[in-house]
């Protein structure tokens, strides 16, 4: 799945429907903790939003903000 070293990999049980149909409630995701810079637009990243860990598609915006996007079209984007 990845070329990262095992010590940088963790698993996260997914809850909720915001990333459906790509990631479903109850799926187990592998998170690569070595990736810290948004160097790929619109890819799925694990990040903190407030005090909550989320999986979202991230897009770095020209003004320096980051847009958090859900795959579920019923969930609004956040900046």
N, C-alpha and C. Protein backbone atom coordinates (compact mmCIF):
# COMPACT_ATOMS: atom_id res chain seq x y z
N UNK A 1 0.81 -1.21 0.00
CA UNK A 1 0.00 0.00 0.00
C UNK A 1 0.84 1.26 0.00
N UNK A 2 2.04 1.19 0.58
CA UNK A 2 2.86 2.38 0.74
C UNK A 2 4.33 2.00 0.81
N UNK A 3 5.18 2.96 0.54
CA UNK A 3 6.62 2.75 0.68
C UNK A 3 7.12 3.25 2.03
N UNK A 4 6.24 3.79 2.85
CA UNK A 4 6.63 4.33 4.15
C UNK A 4 7.07 3.23 5.10
N UNK A 5 7.91 3.62 6.03
CA UNK A 5 8.39 2.68 7.04
C UNK A 5 7.24 2.33 7.99
N UNK A 6 7.19 1.11 8.47
CA UNK A 6 6.08 0.65 9.32
C UNK A 6 5.84 1.52 10.56
N UNK A 7 6.89 2.10 11.13
CA UNK A 7 6.70 2.89 12.34
C UNK A 7 5.91 4.19 12.09
N UNK A 8 5.73 4.57 10.82
CA UNK A 8 4.95 5.75 10.49
C UNK A 8 3.50 5.42 10.13
N UNK A 9 3.14 4.16 10.19
CA UNK A 9 1.79 3.75 9.77
C UNK A 9 0.94 3.40 10.98
N UNK A 10 -0.27 3.93 10.99
CA UNK A 10 -1.26 3.60 12.02
C UNK A 10 -2.58 3.31 11.31
N UNK A 11 -3.47 2.63 12.02
CA UNK A 11 -4.80 2.40 11.46
C UNK A 11 -5.82 3.24 12.21
N UNK A 12 -6.90 3.57 11.53
CA UNK A 12 -7.95 4.39 12.11
C UNK A 12 -9.29 3.81 11.68
N UNK A 13 -10.16 3.47 12.64
CA UNK A 13 -11.50 3.04 12.25
C UNK A 13 -12.29 4.26 11.82
N UNK A 14 -12.97 4.16 10.71
CA UNK A 14 -13.70 5.30 10.15
C UNK A 14 -15.13 5.29 10.65
N UNK A 15 -15.60 6.47 11.01
CA UNK A 15 -16.97 6.64 11.47
C UNK A 15 -17.62 7.76 10.67
N UNK A 16 -18.88 7.58 10.35
CA UNK A 16 -19.61 8.63 9.66
C UNK A 16 -19.73 8.38 8.17
N UNK A 17 -20.42 9.29 7.51
CA UNK A 17 -20.75 9.12 6.10
C UNK A 17 -20.21 10.23 5.21
N UNK A 18 -19.41 11.15 5.73
CA UNK A 18 -19.00 12.31 4.94
C UNK A 18 -18.10 11.96 3.76
N UNK A 19 -17.41 10.82 3.81
CA UNK A 19 -16.53 10.45 2.70
C UNK A 19 -17.10 9.34 1.83
N UNK A 20 -18.37 8.99 2.05
CA UNK A 20 -19.01 7.99 1.18
C UNK A 20 -19.20 8.58 -0.20
N UNK A 21 -19.04 7.81 -1.25
CA UNK A 21 -18.92 6.36 -1.30
C UNK A 21 -17.48 5.85 -1.24
N UNK A 22 -16.49 6.74 -1.13
CA UNK A 22 -15.09 6.32 -1.15
C UNK A 22 -14.70 5.56 0.11
N UNK A 23 -15.04 6.12 1.26
CA UNK A 23 -14.76 5.50 2.55
C UNK A 23 -16.09 5.35 3.27
N UNK A 24 -16.40 4.15 3.70
CA UNK A 24 -17.68 3.89 4.35
C UNK A 24 -17.52 3.78 5.86
N UNK A 25 -18.60 4.06 6.57
CA UNK A 25 -18.64 3.91 8.01
C UNK A 25 -18.22 2.48 8.36
N UNK A 26 -17.27 2.35 9.27
CA UNK A 26 -16.79 1.03 9.68
C UNK A 26 -15.54 0.56 8.96
N UNK A 27 -15.14 1.23 7.87
CA UNK A 27 -13.90 0.86 7.19
C UNK A 27 -12.70 1.12 8.11
N UNK A 28 -11.63 0.41 7.88
CA UNK A 28 -10.38 0.64 8.57
C UNK A 28 -9.41 1.28 7.58
N UNK A 29 -8.86 2.43 7.93
CA UNK A 29 -7.94 3.14 7.03
C UNK A 29 -6.53 3.11 7.60
N UNK A 30 -5.57 3.06 6.70
CA UNK A 30 -4.15 3.14 7.07
C UNK A 30 -3.72 4.59 6.90
N UNK A 31 -3.15 5.17 7.95
CA UNK A 31 -2.71 6.56 7.94
C UNK A 31 -1.18 6.58 7.95
N UNK A 32 -0.60 7.36 7.04
CA UNK A 32 0.86 7.51 6.95
C UNK A 32 1.24 8.80 7.67
N UNK A 33 1.79 8.69 8.87
CA UNK A 33 2.13 9.85 9.69
C UNK A 33 3.38 10.58 9.20
N UNK A 34 4.09 10.02 8.24
CA UNK A 34 5.28 10.71 7.72
C UNK A 34 4.91 11.83 6.76
N UNK A 35 3.69 11.83 6.24
CA UNK A 35 3.24 12.86 5.30
C UNK A 35 2.71 14.06 6.07
N UNK A 36 3.42 15.18 6.01
CA UNK A 36 3.05 16.35 6.81
C UNK A 36 2.82 17.60 5.98
N UNK A 37 3.14 17.56 4.71
CA UNK A 37 2.99 18.71 3.83
C UNK A 37 2.00 18.36 2.73
N UNK A 38 1.03 19.24 2.50
CA UNK A 38 0.05 19.00 1.44
C UNK A 38 0.76 19.22 0.11
N UNK A 39 1.22 18.12 -0.47
CA UNK A 39 1.95 18.21 -1.73
C UNK A 39 1.19 17.52 -2.87
N UNK A 40 -0.02 17.08 -2.58
CA UNK A 40 -0.89 16.50 -3.61
C UNK A 40 -2.30 17.05 -3.39
N UNK A 41 -2.79 17.79 -4.35
CA UNK A 41 -4.11 18.40 -4.26
C UNK A 41 -5.22 17.37 -4.39
N UNK A 42 -6.29 17.57 -3.64
CA UNK A 42 -7.53 16.80 -3.74
C UNK A 42 -7.36 15.32 -3.39
N UNK A 43 -6.29 14.97 -2.72
CA UNK A 43 -6.10 13.61 -2.23
C UNK A 43 -6.66 13.51 -0.82
N UNK A 44 -6.90 12.32 -0.33
CA UNK A 44 -7.45 12.13 1.01
C UNK A 44 -6.32 12.17 2.03
N UNK A 45 -6.51 13.02 3.04
CA UNK A 45 -5.52 13.21 4.10
C UNK A 45 -6.20 13.04 5.44
N UNK A 46 -5.47 12.57 6.43
CA UNK A 46 -5.92 12.58 7.81
C UNK A 46 -5.44 13.90 8.40
N UNK A 47 -6.34 14.60 9.07
CA UNK A 47 -5.97 15.88 9.67
C UNK A 47 -6.85 16.14 10.89
N UNK A 48 -6.50 17.18 11.63
CA UNK A 48 -7.31 17.59 12.77
C UNK A 48 -8.15 18.79 12.37
N UNK A 49 -9.43 18.72 12.67
CA UNK A 49 -10.34 19.84 12.44
C UNK A 49 -10.93 20.17 13.80
N UNK A 50 -10.45 21.26 14.41
CA UNK A 50 -10.76 21.49 15.81
C UNK A 50 -10.02 20.44 16.61
N UNK A 51 -10.72 19.74 17.45
CA UNK A 51 -10.11 18.67 18.25
C UNK A 51 -10.51 17.29 17.74
N UNK A 52 -10.91 17.20 16.49
CA UNK A 52 -11.42 15.94 15.94
C UNK A 52 -10.54 15.51 14.77
N UNK A 53 -10.16 14.24 14.75
CA UNK A 53 -9.43 13.69 13.61
C UNK A 53 -10.43 13.40 12.49
N UNK A 54 -10.10 13.85 11.29
CA UNK A 54 -10.98 13.63 10.15
C UNK A 54 -10.19 13.14 8.94
N UNK A 55 -10.87 12.46 8.05
CA UNK A 55 -10.32 12.11 6.74
C UNK A 55 -11.07 12.94 5.72
N UNK A 56 -10.35 13.77 4.98
CA UNK A 56 -10.97 14.66 3.99
C UNK A 56 -10.04 14.81 2.80
N UNK A 57 -10.62 15.20 1.69
CA UNK A 57 -9.80 15.64 0.56
C UNK A 57 -9.36 17.06 0.87
N UNK A 58 -8.06 17.34 0.71
CA UNK A 58 -7.55 18.67 1.02
C UNK A 58 -7.09 19.37 -0.24
N UNK A 59 -7.38 20.67 -0.27
CA UNK A 59 -6.93 21.50 -1.39
C UNK A 59 -6.33 22.78 -0.80
N UNK A 60 -5.04 22.99 -1.05
CA UNK A 60 -4.38 24.22 -0.62
C UNK A 60 -4.85 25.35 -1.53
N UNK A 61 -5.34 26.43 -0.91
CA UNK A 61 -5.89 27.56 -1.66
C UNK A 61 -4.82 28.64 -1.83
N UNK A 62 -4.96 29.48 -2.87
CA UNK A 62 -3.95 30.51 -3.13
C UNK A 62 -3.73 31.49 -1.98
N UNK A 63 -4.76 31.69 -1.14
CA UNK A 63 -4.62 32.65 -0.04
C UNK A 63 -3.99 32.04 1.21
N UNK A 64 -3.54 30.78 1.14
CA UNK A 64 -2.88 30.12 2.25
C UNK A 64 -3.80 29.26 3.10
N UNK A 65 -5.11 29.32 2.87
CA UNK A 65 -6.03 28.47 3.60
C UNK A 65 -6.08 27.09 2.96
N UNK A 66 -6.76 26.17 3.63
CA UNK A 66 -6.92 24.81 3.11
C UNK A 66 -8.41 24.49 3.10
N UNK A 67 -8.89 23.99 1.97
CA UNK A 67 -10.29 23.58 1.86
C UNK A 67 -10.39 22.10 2.19
N UNK A 68 -11.29 21.75 3.11
CA UNK A 68 -11.58 20.37 3.48
C UNK A 68 -12.83 19.96 2.73
N UNK A 69 -12.71 18.92 1.90
CA UNK A 69 -13.82 18.52 1.04
C UNK A 69 -14.24 17.09 1.35
N UNK A 70 -15.53 16.87 1.36
CA UNK A 70 -16.11 15.55 1.57
C UNK A 70 -16.49 14.96 0.23
N UNK A 71 -16.44 13.64 0.11
CA UNK A 71 -16.90 12.99 -1.12
C UNK A 71 -18.41 12.90 -1.18
N UNK A 72 -19.07 12.93 -0.03
CA UNK A 72 -20.52 12.91 0.05
C UNK A 72 -21.04 14.30 -0.31
N UNK A 73 -21.80 14.42 -1.39
CA UNK A 73 -22.24 15.74 -1.86
C UNK A 73 -23.26 16.40 -0.92
N UNK A 74 -23.73 15.69 0.09
CA UNK A 74 -24.64 16.29 1.07
C UNK A 74 -23.90 16.98 2.22
N UNK A 75 -22.56 16.91 2.19
CA UNK A 75 -21.74 17.53 3.24
C UNK A 75 -20.98 18.70 2.62
N UNK A 76 -21.11 19.88 3.24
CA UNK A 76 -20.49 21.10 2.73
C UNK A 76 -18.98 21.10 2.95
N UNK A 77 -18.28 21.80 2.06
CA UNK A 77 -16.84 22.00 2.23
C UNK A 77 -16.60 22.97 3.38
N UNK A 78 -15.42 22.88 3.99
CA UNK A 78 -15.00 23.80 5.06
C UNK A 78 -13.65 24.37 4.66
N UNK A 79 -13.36 25.59 5.12
CA UNK A 79 -12.06 26.22 4.86
C UNK A 79 -11.38 26.43 6.18
